[in-house]
Amino acid sequence: MTARVSDLSVDELRAFIQEVVHQTLIELLHDPDDGLELDADFTSELRSSLNAVQAGGELLSAERVAADPEMIEKTRRGFP
């Protein structure tokens, strides 16, 4: 037997709506990478990059890199 909305009290309907909204938010905001570990090589590159910026190196925006395809190769060689 299925329940009908008209059979629910106001409090039951409110609780039902809150649960649906809660579940929907969890589904929409779920982090698919939750629980995954970073690869050691990636971690090392990330640390190097952060250290370079802290030492005065230039921080490049994604837009700037995307606008200059040669920029990717330049940054890989260590001189942006």
N, C-alpha and C. Protein backbone atom coordinates (compact mmCIF):
# COMPACT_ATOMS: atom_id res chain seq x y z
N MET A 1 0.84 -1.18 0.00
CA MET A 1 0.00 0.00 0.00
C MET A 1 0.89 1.24 0.00
N THR A 2 0.60 2.18 -0.86
CA THR A 2 1.37 3.42 -0.94
C THR A 2 0.64 4.53 -0.20
N ALA A 3 1.46 5.37 0.44
CA ALA A 3 0.88 6.50 1.17
C ALA A 3 0.58 7.63 0.18
N ARG A 4 -0.41 8.38 0.49
CA ARG A 4 -0.78 9.53 -0.32
C ARG A 4 -0.40 10.79 0.43
N VAL A 5 -0.03 11.80 -0.30
CA VAL A 5 0.34 13.08 0.31
C VAL A 5 -0.81 13.61 1.15
N SER A 6 -2.01 13.42 0.69
CA SER A 6 -3.18 13.93 1.42
C SER A 6 -3.36 13.23 2.77
N ASP A 7 -2.72 12.06 2.94
CA ASP A 7 -2.82 11.33 4.21
C ASP A 7 -1.75 11.77 5.22
N LEU A 8 -0.80 12.59 4.79
CA LEU A 8 0.28 13.01 5.67
C LEU A 8 -0.12 14.24 6.48
N SER A 9 0.41 14.29 7.69
CA SER A 9 0.22 15.51 8.49
C SER A 9 1.19 16.57 7.96
N VAL A 10 1.00 17.80 8.39
CA VAL A 10 1.88 18.88 7.97
C VAL A 10 3.32 18.58 8.39
N ASP A 11 3.50 18.08 9.62
CA ASP A 11 4.84 17.76 10.10
C ASP A 11 5.47 16.62 9.30
N GLU A 12 4.68 15.61 8.96
CA GLU A 12 5.19 14.49 8.16
C GLU A 12 5.59 14.96 6.76
N LEU A 13 4.77 15.82 6.16
CA LEU A 13 5.08 16.35 4.84
C LEU A 13 6.34 17.21 4.89
N ARG A 14 6.45 18.03 5.92
CA ARG A 14 7.64 18.88 6.08
C ARG A 14 8.89 18.00 6.22
N ALA A 15 8.82 16.97 7.04
CA ALA A 15 9.96 16.06 7.23
C ALA A 15 10.32 15.36 5.92
N PHE A 16 9.31 14.95 5.17
CA PHE A 16 9.54 14.29 3.89
C PHE A 16 10.25 15.23 2.91
N ILE A 17 9.78 16.46 2.83
CA ILE A 17 10.38 17.44 1.92
C ILE A 17 11.82 17.74 2.34
N GLN A 18 12.06 17.88 3.64
CA GLN A 18 13.41 18.13 4.12
C GLN A 18 14.34 16.98 3.75
N GLU A 19 13.86 15.76 3.88
CA GLU A 19 14.67 14.58 3.54
C GLU A 19 14.98 14.56 2.05
N VAL A 20 14.01 14.87 1.21
CA VAL A 20 14.23 14.89 -0.24
C VAL A 20 15.25 15.97 -0.60
N VAL A 21 15.11 17.15 -0.02
CA VAL A 21 16.06 18.23 -0.29
C VAL A 21 17.45 17.85 0.18
N HIS A 22 17.54 17.27 1.37
CA HIS A 22 18.82 16.83 1.93
C HIS A 22 19.50 15.82 1.00
N GLN A 23 18.77 14.81 0.57
CA GLN A 23 19.32 13.79 -0.32
C GLN A 23 19.75 14.40 -1.65
N THR A 24 18.97 15.31 -2.18
CA THR A 24 19.30 15.95 -3.45
C THR A 24 20.58 16.77 -3.32
N LEU A 25 20.74 17.50 -2.23
CA LEU A 25 21.95 18.28 -2.01
C LEU A 25 23.17 17.39 -1.88
N ILE A 26 23.03 16.28 -1.18
CA ILE A 26 24.14 15.33 -1.05
C ILE A 26 24.55 14.82 -2.42
N GLU A 27 23.59 14.47 -3.24
CA GLU A 27 23.88 13.97 -4.59
C GLU A 27 24.55 15.04 -5.45
N LEU A 28 24.08 16.27 -5.36
CA LEU A 28 24.63 17.34 -6.19
C LEU A 28 26.01 17.81 -5.73
N LEU A 29 26.24 17.80 -4.42
CA LEU A 29 27.48 18.35 -3.88
C LEU A 29 28.51 17.29 -3.52
N HIS A 30 28.22 16.05 -3.81
CA HIS A 30 29.13 14.95 -3.48
C HIS A 30 30.47 15.12 -4.20
N ASP A 31 31.54 14.92 -3.49
CA ASP A 31 32.88 15.01 -4.07
C ASP A 31 33.28 13.63 -4.58
N PRO A 32 33.37 13.45 -5.90
CA PRO A 32 33.70 12.13 -6.43
C PRO A 32 35.12 11.68 -6.07
N ASP A 33 35.98 12.61 -5.66
CA ASP A 33 37.34 12.26 -5.29
C ASP A 33 37.50 12.01 -3.79
N ASP A 34 36.42 12.10 -3.04
CA ASP A 34 36.46 11.91 -1.60
C ASP A 34 37.06 10.54 -1.27
N GLY A 35 38.08 10.53 -0.43
CA GLY A 35 38.70 9.29 0.00
C GLY A 35 39.85 8.83 -0.88
N LEU A 36 40.06 9.47 -2.02
CA LEU A 36 41.16 9.09 -2.90
C LEU A 36 42.45 9.76 -2.44
N GLU A 37 43.57 9.11 -2.69
CA GLU A 37 44.88 9.64 -2.33
C GLU A 37 45.53 10.28 -3.55
N LEU A 38 46.34 11.30 -3.33
CA LEU A 38 47.08 11.91 -4.43
C LEU A 38 48.29 11.05 -4.77
N ASP A 39 48.58 10.94 -6.05
CA ASP A 39 49.74 10.22 -6.54
C ASP A 39 51.01 10.90 -6.01
N ALA A 40 52.05 10.13 -5.67
CA ALA A 40 53.28 10.69 -5.11
C ALA A 40 53.95 11.67 -6.08
N ASP A 41 53.96 11.35 -7.37
CA ASP A 41 54.56 12.26 -8.35
C ASP A 41 53.79 13.57 -8.43
N PHE A 42 52.46 13.49 -8.39
CA PHE A 42 51.65 14.70 -8.44
C PHE A 42 51.90 15.55 -7.19
N THR A 43 51.96 14.89 -6.03
CA THR A 43 52.22 15.61 -4.77
C THR A 43 53.55 16.33 -4.83
N SER A 44 54.57 15.66 -5.36
CA SER A 44 55.89 16.25 -5.48
C SER A 44 55.88 17.47 -6.41
N GLU A 45 55.21 17.33 -7.57
CA GLU A 45 55.12 18.46 -8.50
C GLU A 45 54.35 19.63 -7.89
N LEU A 46 53.29 19.31 -7.17
CA LEU A 46 52.49 20.36 -6.53
C LEU A 46 53.32 21.11 -5.50
N ARG A 47 54.08 20.38 -4.68
CA ARG A 47 54.93 21.03 -3.68
C ARG A 47 55.98 21.92 -4.36
N SER A 48 56.57 21.42 -5.44
CA SER A 48 57.57 22.22 -6.17
C SER A 48 56.95 23.49 -6.71
N SER A 49 55.77 23.37 -7.25
CA SER A 49 55.07 24.53 -7.81
C SER A 49 54.76 25.55 -6.71
N LEU A 50 54.25 25.08 -5.58
CA LEU A 50 53.93 25.98 -4.48
C LEU A 50 55.19 26.66 -3.94
N ASN A 51 56.28 25.89 -3.83
CA ASN A 51 57.54 26.47 -3.36
C ASN A 51 58.05 27.53 -4.33
N ALA A 52 57.92 27.29 -5.63
CA ALA A 52 58.37 28.26 -6.63
C ALA A 52 57.58 29.56 -6.52
N VAL A 53 56.29 29.46 -6.34
CA VAL A 53 55.46 30.66 -6.20
C VAL A 53 55.81 31.40 -4.91
N GLN A 54 56.02 30.66 -3.82
CA GLN A 54 56.38 31.30 -2.55
C GLN A 54 57.74 31.99 -2.63
N ALA A 55 58.61 31.48 -3.50
CA ALA A 55 59.94 32.07 -3.66
C ALA A 55 59.93 33.24 -4.63
N GLY A 56 58.73 33.65 -5.07
CA GLY A 56 58.64 34.81 -5.94
C GLY A 56 58.33 34.48 -7.39
N GLY A 57 58.16 33.21 -7.69
CA GLY A 57 57.83 32.81 -9.05
C GLY A 57 56.45 33.32 -9.45
N GLU A 58 56.22 33.36 -10.75
CA GLU A 58 54.97 33.90 -11.27
C GLU A 58 53.87 32.85 -11.23
N LEU A 59 52.71 33.26 -10.79
CA LEU A 59 51.53 32.40 -10.77
C LEU A 59 50.73 32.68 -12.04
N LEU A 60 50.52 31.65 -12.84
CA LEU A 60 49.85 31.81 -14.13
C LEU A 60 48.39 31.40 -14.03
N SER A 61 47.51 32.21 -14.61
CA SER A 61 46.09 31.86 -14.63
C SER A 61 45.84 30.84 -15.72
N ALA A 62 44.79 30.06 -15.57
CA ALA A 62 44.42 29.08 -16.59
C ALA A 62 44.11 29.78 -17.91
N GLU A 63 43.50 30.96 -17.84
CA GLU A 63 43.17 31.71 -19.04
C GLU A 63 44.43 32.11 -19.81
N ARG A 64 45.45 32.52 -19.07
CA ARG A 64 46.70 32.93 -19.72
C ARG A 64 47.38 31.73 -20.39
N VAL A 65 47.41 30.62 -19.70
CA VAL A 65 48.03 29.42 -20.28
C VAL A 65 47.25 28.95 -21.50
N ALA A 66 45.92 28.95 -21.39
CA ALA A 66 45.08 28.50 -22.51
C ALA A 66 45.23 29.41 -23.72
N ALA A 67 45.48 30.69 -23.50
CA ALA A 67 45.62 31.64 -24.61
C ALA A 67 46.95 31.48 -25.33
N ASP A 68 47.93 30.85 -24.69
CA ASP A 68 49.26 30.68 -25.29
C ASP A 68 49.66 29.22 -25.18
N PRO A 69 49.40 28.42 -26.22
CA PRO A 69 49.71 26.98 -26.16
C PRO A 69 51.17 26.68 -25.85
N GLU A 70 52.08 27.59 -26.23
CA GLU A 70 53.49 27.36 -25.92
C GLU A 70 53.78 27.52 -24.43
N MET A 71 52.88 28.19 -23.71
CA MET A 71 53.07 28.43 -22.28
C MET A 71 53.15 27.11 -21.51
N ILE A 72 52.38 26.12 -21.91
CA ILE A 72 52.39 24.83 -21.21
C ILE A 72 53.79 24.24 -21.27
N GLU A 73 54.39 24.23 -22.44
CA GLU A 73 55.74 23.67 -22.59
C GLU A 73 56.76 24.50 -21.82
N LYS A 74 56.61 25.81 -21.84
CA LYS A 74 57.53 26.67 -21.10
C LYS A 74 57.48 26.38 -19.61
N THR A 75 56.28 26.21 -19.06
CA THR A 75 56.16 25.97 -17.62
C THR A 75 56.69 24.59 -17.27
N ARG A 76 56.58 23.64 -18.17
CA ARG A 76 57.14 22.30 -17.91
C ARG A 76 58.66 22.35 -17.82
N ARG A 77 59.26 23.28 -18.56
CA ARG A 77 60.72 23.40 -18.53
C ARG A 77 61.19 24.27 -17.37
N GLY A 78 60.26 24.86 -16.65
CA GLY A 78 60.63 25.59 -15.45
C GLY A 78 60.83 27.08 -15.59
N PHE A 79 60.49 27.67 -16.73
CA PHE A 79 60.61 29.12 -16.84
C PHE A 79 59.40 29.70 -17.56
N PRO A 80 58.41 30.12 -16.76
CA PRO A 80 57.18 30.67 -17.34
C PRO A 80 57.40 31.99 -18.05
